């Protein structure tokens, strides 16, 4: 007689009923699934095993990440950077330096897709006076 293995236990989940440790809630199907190990694809950081980030799951980036790298908070981008949206994705960008053009975006859809970092410490945006040439 052959033993047929039983299918893996699937647990329903929701924001009100989170999954057990080592699992994440697939919100589309409302099911708890195991977190993805290193080298496997995942769509969001919570889908990856602890210490890994989304994409092809790999080790977490160092605290100070280079410009253009994904981020969640300004602190991750180091003292000369900020975490702002670029094409809708939060990435590290350099703070504005002396004489760089700066502005306060009007808000709305354009601001939610592309954001501007504030000026470097000690600098402020101010209206420019057109040169008289």
C-alpha atoms as a PDB file:
ATOM      1  CA  UNK A   1       0.000   0.000   0.000  1.00  0.00           C
ATOM      2  CA  UNK A   2       1.301   3.432  -0.947  1.00  0.00           C
ATOM      3  CA  UNK A   3       1.158   6.440   1.325  1.00  0.00           C
ATOM      4  CA  UNK A   4      -0.096   9.575  -0.411  1.00  0.00           C
ATOM      5  CA  UNK A   5       1.162  12.723   1.321  1.00  0.00           C
ATOM      6  CA  UNK A   6      -1.540  15.135   2.389  1.00  0.00           C
ATOM      7  CA  UNK A   7      -1.510  18.607   0.835  1.00  0.00           C
ATOM      8  CA  UNK A   8       0.091  21.358   2.919  1.00  0.00           C
ATOM      9  CA  UNK A   9      -2.149  22.995   5.519  1.00  0.00           C
ATOM     10  CA  UNK A  10      -3.489  26.302   4.186  1.00  0.00           C
ATOM     11  CA  UNK A  11      -4.675  28.899   6.684  1.00  0.00           C
ATOM     12  CA  UNK A  12      -6.970  31.792   5.738  1.00  0.00           C
ATOM     13  CA  UNK A  13      -5.790  35.297   6.673  1.00  0.00           C
ATOM     14  CA  UNK A  14      -6.755  38.964   6.555  1.00  0.00           C
ATOM     15  CA  UNK A  15      -5.468  42.211   8.068  1.00  0.00           C
ATOM     16  CA  UNK A  16      -7.511  41.317  11.170  1.00  0.00           C
ATOM     17  CA  UNK A  17      -6.222  37.711  11.215  1.00  0.00           C
ATOM     18  CA  UNK A  18      -2.455  37.754  10.500  1.00  0.00           C
ATOM     19  CA  UNK A  19      -0.362  34.705   9.669  1.00  0.00           C
ATOM     20  CA  UNK A  20       1.951  32.770  11.957  1.00  0.00           C
ATOM     21  CA  UNK A  21       5.668  33.580  12.032  1.00  0.00           C
ATOM     22  CA  UNK A  22       7.467  32.379   8.902  1.00  0.00           C
ATOM     23  CA  UNK A  23       4.379  33.026   6.759  1.00  0.00           C
ATOM     24  CA  UNK A  24       2.833  36.043   5.031  1.00  0.00           C
ATOM     25  CA  UNK A  25      -0.733  36.823   4.028  1.00  0.00           C
ATOM     26  CA  UNK A  26      -1.321  36.631   0.278  1.00  0.00           C
ATOM     27  CA  UNK A  27      -4.002  39.326   0.271  1.00  0.00           C
ATOM     28  CA  UNK A  28      -5.254  38.385  -3.201  1.00  0.00           C
ATOM     29  CA  UNK A  29      -6.181  34.850  -2.153  1.00  0.00           C
ATOM     30  CA  UNK A  30      -6.521  35.534   1.596  1.00  0.00           C
ATOM     31  CA  UNK A  31      -4.194  32.640   2.443  1.00  0.00           C
ATOM     32  CA  UNK A  32      -1.076  32.301   4.608  1.00  0.00           C
ATOM     33  CA  UNK A  33       1.935  31.202   2.558  1.00  0.00           C
ATOM     34  CA  UNK A  34       5.520  30.461   3.676  1.00  0.00           C
ATOM     35  CA  UNK A  35       7.960  33.367   3.343  1.00  0.00           C
ATOM     36  CA  UNK A  36      10.325  33.059   0.381  1.00  0.00           C
ATOM     37  CA  UNK A  37      13.935  31.960   0.990  1.00  0.00           C
ATOM     38  CA  UNK A  38      16.992  33.657  -0.525  1.00  0.00           C
ATOM     39  CA  UNK A  39      17.080  33.373  -4.322  1.00  0.00           C
ATOM     40  CA  UNK A  40      13.279  33.075  -4.711  1.00  0.00           C
ATOM     41  CA  UNK A  41      11.090  35.869  -6.059  1.00  0.00           C
ATOM     42  CA  UNK A  42       8.774  37.850  -3.820  1.00  0.00           C
ATOM     43  CA  UNK A  43       6.726  41.004  -4.407  1.00  0.00           C
ATOM     44  CA  UNK A  44       6.974  42.751  -1.024  1.00  0.00           C
ATOM     45  CA  UNK A  45       9.467  42.673   1.851  1.00  0.00           C
ATOM     46  CA  UNK A  46       7.050  40.839   4.226  1.00  0.00           C
ATOM     47  CA  UNK A  47       6.831  38.008   1.655  1.00  0.00           C
ATOM     48  CA  UNK A  48      10.579  37.352   2.072  1.00  0.00           C
ATOM     49  CA  UNK A  49      12.235  35.415   4.878  1.00  0.00           C
ATOM     50  CA  UNK A  50      13.616  37.586   7.725  1.00  0.00           C
ATOM     51  CA  UNK A  51      16.632  39.669   6.673  1.00  0.00           C
ATOM     52  CA  UNK A  52      15.707  39.570   2.958  1.00  0.00           C
ATOM     53  CA  UNK A  53      14.059  42.155   0.681  1.00  0.00           C
ATOM     54  CA  UNK A  54      11.679  41.872  -2.282  1.00  0.00           C
ATOM     55  CA  UNK A  55      12.675  41.223  -5.890  1.00  0.00           C
ATOM     56  CA  UNK A  56      14.938  38.224  -6.061  1.00  0.00           C
ATOM     57  CA  UNK A  57      15.170  37.762  -2.303  1.00  0.00           C
ATOM     58  CA  UNK A  58      18.640  38.696  -1.123  1.00  0.00           C
ATOM     59  CA  UNK A  59      20.335  40.171   1.942  1.00  0.00           C
ATOM     60  CA  UNK A  60      19.216  43.567   3.249  1.00  0.00           C
ATOM     61  CA  UNK A  61      21.101  46.577   1.921  1.00  0.00           C
ATOM     62  CA  UNK A  62      23.427  48.450   4.283  1.00  0.00           C
ATOM     63  CA  UNK A  63      21.912  51.327   6.239  1.00  0.00           C
ATOM     64  CA  UNK A  64      23.313  54.003   3.911  1.00  0.00           C
ATOM     65  CA  UNK A  65      22.245  53.077   0.392  1.00  0.00           C
ATOM     66  CA  UNK A  66      23.384  54.768  -2.844  1.00  0.00           C
ATOM     67  CA  UNK A  67      21.222  57.184  -4.858  1.00  0.00           C
ATOM     68  CA  UNK A  68      18.636  55.308  -6.913  1.00  0.00           C
ATOM     69  CA  UNK A  69      18.360  52.398  -4.451  1.00  0.00           C
ATOM     70  CA  UNK A  70      14.961  51.527  -2.962  1.00  0.00           C
ATOM     71  CA  UNK A  71      14.266  52.921   0.500  1.00  0.00           C
ATOM     72  CA  UNK A  72      11.532  53.379   3.073  1.00  0.00           C
ATOM     73  CA  UNK A  73      12.944  56.181   5.272  1.00  0.00           C
ATOM     74  CA  UNK A  74      15.279  59.170   4.848  1.00  0.00           C
ATOM     75  CA  UNK A  75      17.709  57.684   7.393  1.00  0.00           C
ATOM     76  CA  UNK A  76      18.526  54.839   4.983  1.00  0.00           C
ATOM     77  CA  UNK A  77      19.904  57.311   2.433  1.00  0.00           C
ATOM     78  CA  UNK A  78      22.645  58.780   4.608  1.00  0.00           C
ATOM     79  CA  UNK A  79      23.231  62.392   5.662  1.00  0.00           C
ATOM     80  CA  UNK A  80      23.274  63.848   2.119  1.00  0.00           C
ATOM     81  CA  UNK A  81      20.172  62.060   0.853  1.00  0.00           C
ATOM     82  CA  UNK A  82      16.458  61.608   1.312  1.00  0.00           C
ATOM     83  CA  UNK A  83      13.933  58.921   0.431  1.00  0.00           C
ATOM     84  CA  UNK A  84      11.546  60.350  -2.184  1.00  0.00           C
ATOM     85  CA  UNK A  85       9.346  58.984  -4.944  1.00  0.00           C
ATOM     86  CA  UNK A  86      10.733  58.753  -8.459  1.00  0.00           C
ATOM     87  CA  UNK A  87       8.301  57.361 -11.029  1.00  0.00           C
ATOM     88  CA  UNK A  88       6.128  56.236  -8.096  1.00  0.00           C
ATOM     89  CA  UNK A  89       8.879  54.195  -6.368  1.00  0.00           C
ATOM     90  CA  UNK A  90      10.597  55.393  -3.171  1.00  0.00           C
ATOM     91  CA  UNK A  91      14.333  55.685  -3.895  1.00  0.00           C
ATOM     92  CA  UNK A  92      17.308  57.461  -2.333  1.00  0.00           C
ATOM     93  CA  UNK A  93      18.044  60.823  -3.918  1.00  0.00           C
ATOM     94  CA  UNK A  94      20.603  63.517  -3.102  1.00  0.00           C
ATOM     95  CA  UNK A  95      19.431  66.552  -1.146  1.00  0.00           C
ATOM     96  CA  UNK A  96      19.580  69.758  -3.190  1.00  0.00           C
ATOM     97  CA  UNK A  97      22.910  71.623  -3.105  1.00  0.00           C
ATOM     98  CA  UNK A  98      23.658  75.351  -3.254  1.00  0.00           C
ATOM     99  CA  UNK A  99      22.461  76.942  -6.533  1.00  0.00           C
ATOM    100  CA  UNK A 100      20.415  73.901  -7.566  1.00  0.00           C
ATOM    101  CA  UNK A 101      16.898  74.677  -8.711  1.00  0.00           C
ATOM    102  CA  UNK A 102      14.363  73.806  -6.054  1.00  0.00           C
ATOM    103  CA  UNK A 103      10.634  74.188  -5.770  1.00  0.00           C
ATOM    104  CA  UNK A 104       7.721  73.011  -3.719  1.00  0.00           C
ATOM    105  CA  UNK A 105       5.566  70.822  -5.986  1.00  0.00           C
ATOM    106  CA  UNK A 106       1.882  71.772  -6.077  1.00  0.00           C
ATOM    107  CA  UNK A 107       0.789  68.297  -4.944  1.00  0.00           C
ATOM    108  CA  UNK A 108      -1.692  66.023  -6.649  1.00  0.00           C
ATOM    109  CA  UNK A 109      -0.794  63.132  -8.931  1.00  0.00           C
ATOM    110  CA  UNK A 110       2.494  64.625 -10.153  1.00  0.00           C
ATOM    111  CA  UNK A 111       3.775  64.931  -6.561  1.00  0.00           C
ATOM    112  CA  UNK A 112       2.681  61.407  -5.627  1.00  0.00           C
ATOM    113  CA  UNK A 113       4.664  59.994  -8.578  1.00  0.00           C
ATOM    114  CA  UNK A 114       7.782  62.220  -8.425  1.00  0.00           C
ATOM    115  CA  UNK A 115       8.962  63.987  -5.272  1.00  0.00           C
ATOM    116  CA  UNK A 116      11.810  66.432  -4.689  1.00  0.00           C
ATOM    117  CA  UNK A 117      14.259  66.149  -1.800  1.00  0.00           C
ATOM    118  CA  UNK A 118      14.679  69.155   0.477  1.00  0.00           C
ATOM    119  CA  UNK A 119      17.843  71.255   0.451  1.00  0.00           C
ATOM    120  CA  UNK A 120      21.039  70.219   2.217  1.00  0.00           C
ATOM    121  CA  UNK A 121      21.400  71.279   5.864  1.00  0.00           C
ATOM    122  CA  UNK A 122      21.772  75.047   6.222  1.00  0.00           C
ATOM    123  CA  UNK A 123      20.222  75.833   2.814  1.00  0.00           C
ATOM    124  CA  UNK A 124      16.690  77.026   2.041  1.00  0.00           C
ATOM    125  CA  UNK A 125      14.690  77.449  -1.145  1.00  0.00           C
ATOM    126  CA  UNK A 126      13.997  81.079  -1.984  1.00  0.00           C
ATOM    127  CA  UNK A 127      12.646  82.894  -5.028  1.00  0.00           C
ATOM    128  CA  UNK A 128      15.317  83.691  -7.569  1.00  0.00           C
ATOM    129  CA  UNK A 129      15.625  87.139  -9.046  1.00  0.00           C
ATOM    130  CA  UNK A 130      15.936  87.083 -12.838  1.00  0.00           C
ATOM    131  CA  UNK A 131      19.301  88.417 -13.979  1.00  0.00           C
ATOM    132  CA  UNK A 132      19.327  91.713 -15.884  1.00  0.00           C
ATOM    133  CA  UNK A 133      21.534  91.119 -18.854  1.00  0.00           C
END
